[in-house]
Amino acid sequence: MRRITHPVFLTVFFVIISCCVFAQERIKIGEIVDNEPVITMDSATLVSAFESAFNDGTTISTVKIERSGDYFYVEGFGNNAGEARAMAEELNNDGGELYLLPTSESHSCSGVNCESSGFRKSPSGKISGCQCLQPGGAGESYSNHTISTVSRLYKPLVY
């Protein structure tokens, strides 16, 4: 039996495998219209995806695309048992179309004695943490920050 070891064959084989393994499905969330980001995806679908991504009973009341410096984020805001919840995922800008990738960085805020949470951003516009915007309840008010290097929103939108 003869083994195929021709360099051209091996190169083509690895290119094909690489394309299949590393190809990323992207999901269009919005686009830039008159220099402003606008959601083009059905809002109810986006709300449902945020609620599924939280997977803890959180109800989302607001979704939007936020431009912050050179960054674009799709953001969802809501609450769970009276405590603020927020999630943001970085979007990829491709010629004015805004896409969510499976590798999009994901940030979430979980408020404690907090009725409204928001994202703290660095001078360049990148999310750097969470903050309690509207304290509520007894005791200290704050908002916990969680970062994921993979999108939490991607899977609920695909399946």
C-alpha atoms as a PDB file:
ATOM      1  CA  MET A   1       0.000   0.000   0.000  1.00  0.00           C
ATOM      2  CA  ARG A   2       1.329   3.400  -0.964  1.00  0.00           C
ATOM      3  CA  ARG A   3       1.154   6.357   1.453  1.00  0.00           C
ATOM      4  CA  ILE A   4       0.266   9.783   0.127  1.00  0.00           C
ATOM      5  CA  THR A   5       2.907  12.182   1.369  1.00  0.00           C
ATOM      6  CA  HIS A   6       3.206  14.600  -1.494  1.00  0.00           C
ATOM      7  CA  PRO A   7       3.805  18.124  -0.048  1.00  0.00           C
ATOM      8  CA  VAL A   8       1.143  19.755  -2.217  1.00  0.00           C
ATOM      9  CA  PHE A   9      -1.462  17.209  -1.160  1.00  0.00           C
ATOM     10  CA  LEU A  10      -0.607  17.677   2.520  1.00  0.00           C
ATOM     11  CA  THR A  11      -0.723  21.473   2.209  1.00  0.00           C
ATOM     12  CA  VAL A  12      -4.146  21.409   0.521  1.00  0.00           C
ATOM     13  CA  PHE A  13      -5.407  18.904   3.101  1.00  0.00           C
ATOM     14  CA  PHE A  14      -4.346  21.091   6.049  1.00  0.00           C
ATOM     15  CA  VAL A  15      -5.798  24.243   4.464  1.00  0.00           C
ATOM     16  CA  ILE A  16      -9.166  22.522   3.992  1.00  0.00           C
ATOM     17  CA  ILE A  17      -9.158  21.156   7.556  1.00  0.00           C
ATOM     18  CA  SER A  18      -8.131  24.550   8.963  1.00  0.00           C
ATOM     19  CA  CYS A  19     -10.967  26.303   7.154  1.00  0.00           C
ATOM     20  CA  CYS A  20     -13.491  23.838   8.508  1.00  0.00           C
ATOM     21  CA  VAL A  21     -12.161  23.855  12.069  1.00  0.00           C
ATOM     22  CA  PHE A  22     -11.551  27.587  12.387  1.00  0.00           C
ATOM     23  CA  ALA A  23     -14.470  28.906  10.343  1.00  0.00           C
ATOM     24  CA  GLN A  24     -16.791  30.966  12.474  1.00  0.00           C
ATOM     25  CA  GLU A  25     -20.432  31.497  11.871  1.00  0.00           C
ATOM     26  CA  ARG A  26     -21.229  35.092  12.593  1.00  0.00           C
ATOM     27  CA  ILE A  27     -24.645  36.469  13.466  1.00  0.00           C
ATOM     28  CA  LYS A  28     -25.674  39.904  12.255  1.00  0.00           C
ATOM     29  CA  ILE A  29     -27.059  41.899  15.179  1.00  0.00           C
ATOM     30  CA  GLY A  30     -27.181  45.377  13.656  1.00  0.00           C
ATOM     31  CA  GLU A  31     -25.621  47.971  11.420  1.00  0.00           C
ATOM     32  CA  ILE A  32     -24.468  51.540  11.483  1.00  0.00           C
ATOM     33  CA  VAL A  33     -27.016  53.958  10.012  1.00  0.00           C
ATOM     34  CA  ASP A  34     -26.211  57.685   9.853  1.00  0.00           C
ATOM     35  CA  ASN A  35     -23.188  57.014  12.097  1.00  0.00           C
ATOM     36  CA  GLU A  36     -25.374  55.402  14.811  1.00  0.00           C
ATOM     37  CA  PRO A  37     -25.606  51.679  15.657  1.00  0.00           C
ATOM     38  CA  VAL A  38     -29.078  50.193  15.093  1.00  0.00           C
ATOM     39  CA  ILE A  39     -30.390  46.723  15.962  1.00  0.00           C
ATOM     40  CA  THR A  40     -31.567  44.907  12.822  1.00  0.00           C
ATOM     41  CA  MET A  41     -32.299  41.556  14.483  1.00  0.00           C
ATOM     42  CA  ASP A  42     -35.795  40.934  15.839  1.00  0.00           C
ATOM     43  CA  SER A  43     -35.810  42.470  19.351  1.00  0.00           C
ATOM     44  CA  ALA A  44     -37.926  39.667  20.857  1.00  0.00           C
ATOM     45  CA  THR A  45     -35.365  37.116  19.641  1.00  0.00           C
ATOM     46  CA  LEU A  46     -32.560  39.144  21.194  1.00  0.00           C
ATOM     47  CA  VAL A  47     -34.430  39.513  24.526  1.00  0.00           C
ATOM     48  CA  SER A  48     -35.053  35.751  24.619  1.00  0.00           C
ATOM     49  CA  ALA A  49     -31.373  35.033  23.877  1.00  0.00           C
ATOM     50  CA  PHE A  50     -30.225  37.306  26.739  1.00  0.00           C
ATOM     51  CA  GLU A  51     -32.667  35.628  29.133  1.00  0.00           C
ATOM     52  CA  SER A  52     -31.425  32.176  28.044  1.00  0.00           C
ATOM     53  CA  ALA A  53     -27.798  33.280  28.415  1.00  0.00           C
ATOM     54  CA  PHE A  54     -28.413  34.350  32.017  1.00  0.00           C
ATOM     55  CA  ASN A  55     -30.233  31.065  32.687  1.00  0.00           C
ATOM     56  CA  ASP A  56     -31.279  32.164  36.190  1.00  0.00           C
ATOM     57  CA  GLY A  57     -34.762  33.638  35.786  1.00  0.00           C
ATOM     58  CA  THR A  58     -33.542  37.100  34.758  1.00  0.00           C
ATOM     59  CA  THR A  59     -36.121  39.123  32.825  1.00  0.00           C
ATOM     60  CA  ILE A  60     -34.663  41.474  30.206  1.00  0.00           C
ATOM     61  CA  SER A  61     -36.478  44.779  29.714  1.00  0.00           C
ATOM     62  CA  THR A  62     -34.074  46.694  27.439  1.00  0.00           C
ATOM     63  CA  VAL A  63     -31.733  45.732  24.590  1.00  0.00           C
ATOM     64  CA  LYS A  64     -29.540  48.133  22.628  1.00  0.00           C
ATOM     65  CA  ILE A  65     -26.287  48.495  20.731  1.00  0.00           C
ATOM     66  CA  GLU A  66     -23.845  50.826  22.422  1.00  0.00           C
ATOM     67  CA  ARG A  67     -20.906  52.491  20.693  1.00  0.00           C
ATOM     68  CA  SER A  68     -18.064  53.170  23.105  1.00  0.00           C
ATOM     69  CA  GLY A  69     -14.925  54.596  21.506  1.00  0.00           C
ATOM     70  CA  ASP A  70     -13.824  52.057  18.901  1.00  0.00           C
ATOM     71  CA  TYR A  71     -15.967  49.303  20.447  1.00  0.00           C
ATOM     72  CA  PHE A  72     -19.541  48.209  19.790  1.00  0.00           C
ATOM     73  CA  TYR A  73     -21.530  46.165  22.304  1.00  0.00           C
ATOM     74  CA  VAL A  74     -24.972  44.589  22.223  1.00  0.00           C
ATOM     75  CA  GLU A  75     -26.358  45.111  25.721  1.00  0.00           C
ATOM     76  CA  GLY A  76     -29.295  43.678  27.627  1.00  0.00           C
ATOM     77  CA  PHE A  77     -30.621  45.096  30.914  1.00  0.00           C
ATOM     78  CA  GLY A  78     -33.147  43.623  33.341  1.00  0.00           C
ATOM     79  CA  ASN A  79     -33.535  42.143  36.787  1.00  0.00           C
ATOM     80  CA  ASN A  80     -33.876  38.963  38.764  1.00  0.00           C
ATOM     81  CA  ALA A  81     -35.791  39.016  42.056  1.00  0.00           C
ATOM     82  CA  GLY A  82     -35.468  42.808  42.255  1.00  0.00           C
ATOM     83  CA  GLU A  83     -31.704  42.830  41.664  1.00  0.00           C
ATOM     84  CA  ALA A  84     -30.193  44.457  38.571  1.00  0.00           C
ATOM     85  CA  ARG A  85     -28.729  42.311  35.807  1.00  0.00           C
ATOM     86  CA  ALA A  86     -26.876  43.447  32.683  1.00  0.00           C
ATOM     87  CA  MET A  87     -24.976  41.657  29.933  1.00  0.00           C
ATOM     88  CA  ALA A  88     -22.852  43.037  27.088  1.00  0.00           C
ATOM     89  CA  GLU A  89     -21.133  41.267  24.218  1.00  0.00           C
ATOM     90  CA  GLU A  90     -18.552  42.833  21.955  1.00  0.00           C
ATOM     91  CA  LEU A  91     -19.587  43.071  18.297  1.00  0.00           C
ATOM     92  CA  ASN A  92     -17.372  42.868  15.232  1.00  0.00           C
ATOM     93  CA  ASN A  93     -17.740  45.833  12.851  1.00  0.00           C
ATOM     94  CA  ASP A  94     -17.379  44.645   9.255  1.00  0.00           C
ATOM     95  CA  GLY A  95     -17.985  47.551   6.893  1.00  0.00           C
ATOM     96  CA  GLY A  96     -20.764  49.017   9.012  1.00  0.00           C
ATOM     97  CA  GLU A  97     -22.461  45.688   9.720  1.00  0.00           C
ATOM     98  CA  LEU A  98     -22.250  44.548  13.355  1.00  0.00           C
ATOM     99  CA  TYR A  99     -21.747  40.834  14.020  1.00  0.00           C
ATOM    100  CA  LEU A 100     -21.662  38.597  17.069  1.00  0.00           C
ATOM    101  CA  LEU A 101     -18.974  35.904  16.898  1.00  0.00           C
ATOM    102  CA  PRO A 102     -18.700  32.707  18.968  1.00  0.00           C
ATOM    103  CA  THR A 103     -15.489  34.212  20.384  1.00  0.00           C
ATOM    104  CA  SER A 104     -17.061  37.583  21.285  1.00  0.00           C
ATOM    105  CA  GLU A 105     -16.047  38.717  24.758  1.00  0.00           C
ATOM    106  CA  SER A 106     -18.991  38.616  27.175  1.00  0.00           C
ATOM    107  CA  HIS A 107     -19.491  40.759  30.297  1.00  0.00           C
ATOM    108  CA  SER A 108     -22.251  40.452  32.876  1.00  0.00           C
ATOM    109  CA  CYS A 109     -23.219  42.462  35.931  1.00  0.00           C
ATOM    110  CA  SER A 110     -25.164  41.132  38.899  1.00  0.00           C
ATOM    111  CA  GLY A 111     -26.325  43.798  41.302  1.00  0.00           C
ATOM    112  CA  VAL A 112     -26.457  43.384  45.068  1.00  0.00           C
ATOM    113  CA  ASN A 113     -28.874  45.794  46.772  1.00  0.00           C
ATOM    114  CA  CYS A 114     -28.921  47.463  43.368  1.00  0.00           C
ATOM    115  CA  GLU A 115     -31.908  48.337  41.169  1.00  0.00           C
ATOM    116  CA  SER A 116     -29.874  49.364  38.086  1.00  0.00           C
ATOM    117  CA  SER A 117     -26.410  48.257  36.938  1.00  0.00           C
ATOM    118  CA  GLY A 118     -24.239  49.575  34.149  1.00  0.00           C
ATOM    119  CA  PHE A 119     -20.843  48.994  32.621  1.00  0.00           C
ATOM    120  CA  ARG A 120     -17.697  50.870  33.577  1.00  0.00           C
ATOM    121  CA  LYS A 121     -15.565  51.607  30.513  1.00  0.00           C
ATOM    122  CA  SER A 122     -11.916  52.476  30.030  1.00  0.00           C
ATOM    123  CA  PRO A 123     -10.898  55.699  28.227  1.00  0.00           C
ATOM    124  CA  SER A 124     -10.612  53.661  24.984  1.00  0.00           C
ATOM    125  CA  GLY A 125     -14.229  52.463  25.401  1.00  0.00           C
ATOM    126  CA  LYS A 126     -13.536  48.856  26.423  1.00  0.00           C
ATOM    127  CA  ILE A 127     -15.674  47.474  29.249  1.00  0.00           C
ATOM    128  CA  SER A 128     -13.589  47.288  32.410  1.00  0.00           C
ATOM    129  CA  GLY A 129     -16.180  46.516  35.082  1.00  0.00           C
ATOM    130  CA  CYS A 130     -19.651  47.092  36.464  1.00  0.00           C
ATOM    131  CA  GLN A 131     -21.197  49.733  38.642  1.00  0.00           C
ATOM    132  CA  CYS A 132     -24.406  50.094  40.584  1.00  0.00           C
ATOM    133  CA  LEU A 133     -26.258  53.047  39.049  1.00  0.00           C
ATOM    134  CA  GLN A 134     -29.265  53.029  41.366  1.00  0.00           C
ATOM    135  CA  PRO A 135     -28.832  51.632  44.892  1.00  0.00           C
ATOM    136  CA  GLY A 136     -31.795  49.854  46.460  1.00  0.00           C
ATOM    137  CA  GLY A 137     -32.455  47.810  49.555  1.00  0.00           C
ATOM    138  CA  ALA A 138     -30.580  47.653  52.837  1.00  0.00           C
ATOM    139  CA  GLY A 139     -26.809  47.455  53.071  1.00  0.00           C
ATOM    140  CA  GLU A 140     -23.998  48.224  50.694  1.00  0.00           C
ATOM    141  CA  SER A 141     -24.919  48.462  46.995  1.00  0.00           C
ATOM    142  CA  TYR A 142     -22.564  47.140  44.325  1.00  0.00           C
ATOM    143  CA  SER A 143     -22.505  45.144  41.110  1.00  0.00           C
ATOM    144  CA  ASN A 144     -20.400  42.022  40.509  1.00  0.00           C
ATOM    145  CA  HIS A 145     -18.590  41.741  37.165  1.00  0.00           C
ATOM    146  CA  THR A 146     -18.058  38.500  35.237  1.00  0.00           C
ATOM    147  CA  ILE A 147     -16.048  38.165  32.012  1.00  0.00           C
ATOM    148  CA  SER A 148     -16.159  35.284  29.557  1.00  0.00           C
ATOM    149  CA  THR A 149     -13.813  34.936  26.587  1.00  0.00           C
ATOM    150  CA  VAL A 150     -16.539  33.143  24.638  1.00  0.00           C
ATOM    151  CA  SER A 151     -19.951  34.512  23.776  1.00  0.00           C
ATOM    152  CA  ARG A 152     -22.767  33.557  26.153  1.00  0.00           C
ATOM    153  CA  LEU A 153     -25.319  35.017  23.737  1.00  0.00           C
ATOM    154  CA  TYR A 154     -24.168  33.142  20.619  1.00  0.00           C
ATOM    155  CA  LYS A 155     -25.485  29.673  21.508  1.00  0.00           C
ATOM    156  CA  PRO A 156     -29.046  30.796  22.381  1.00  0.00           C
ATOM    157  CA  LEU A 157     -29.209  32.666  19.051  1.00  0.00           C
ATOM    158  CA  VAL A 158     -28.006  29.682  17.006  1.00  0.00           C
ATOM    159  CA  TYR A 159     -30.100  26.942  18.614  1.00  0.00           C
END
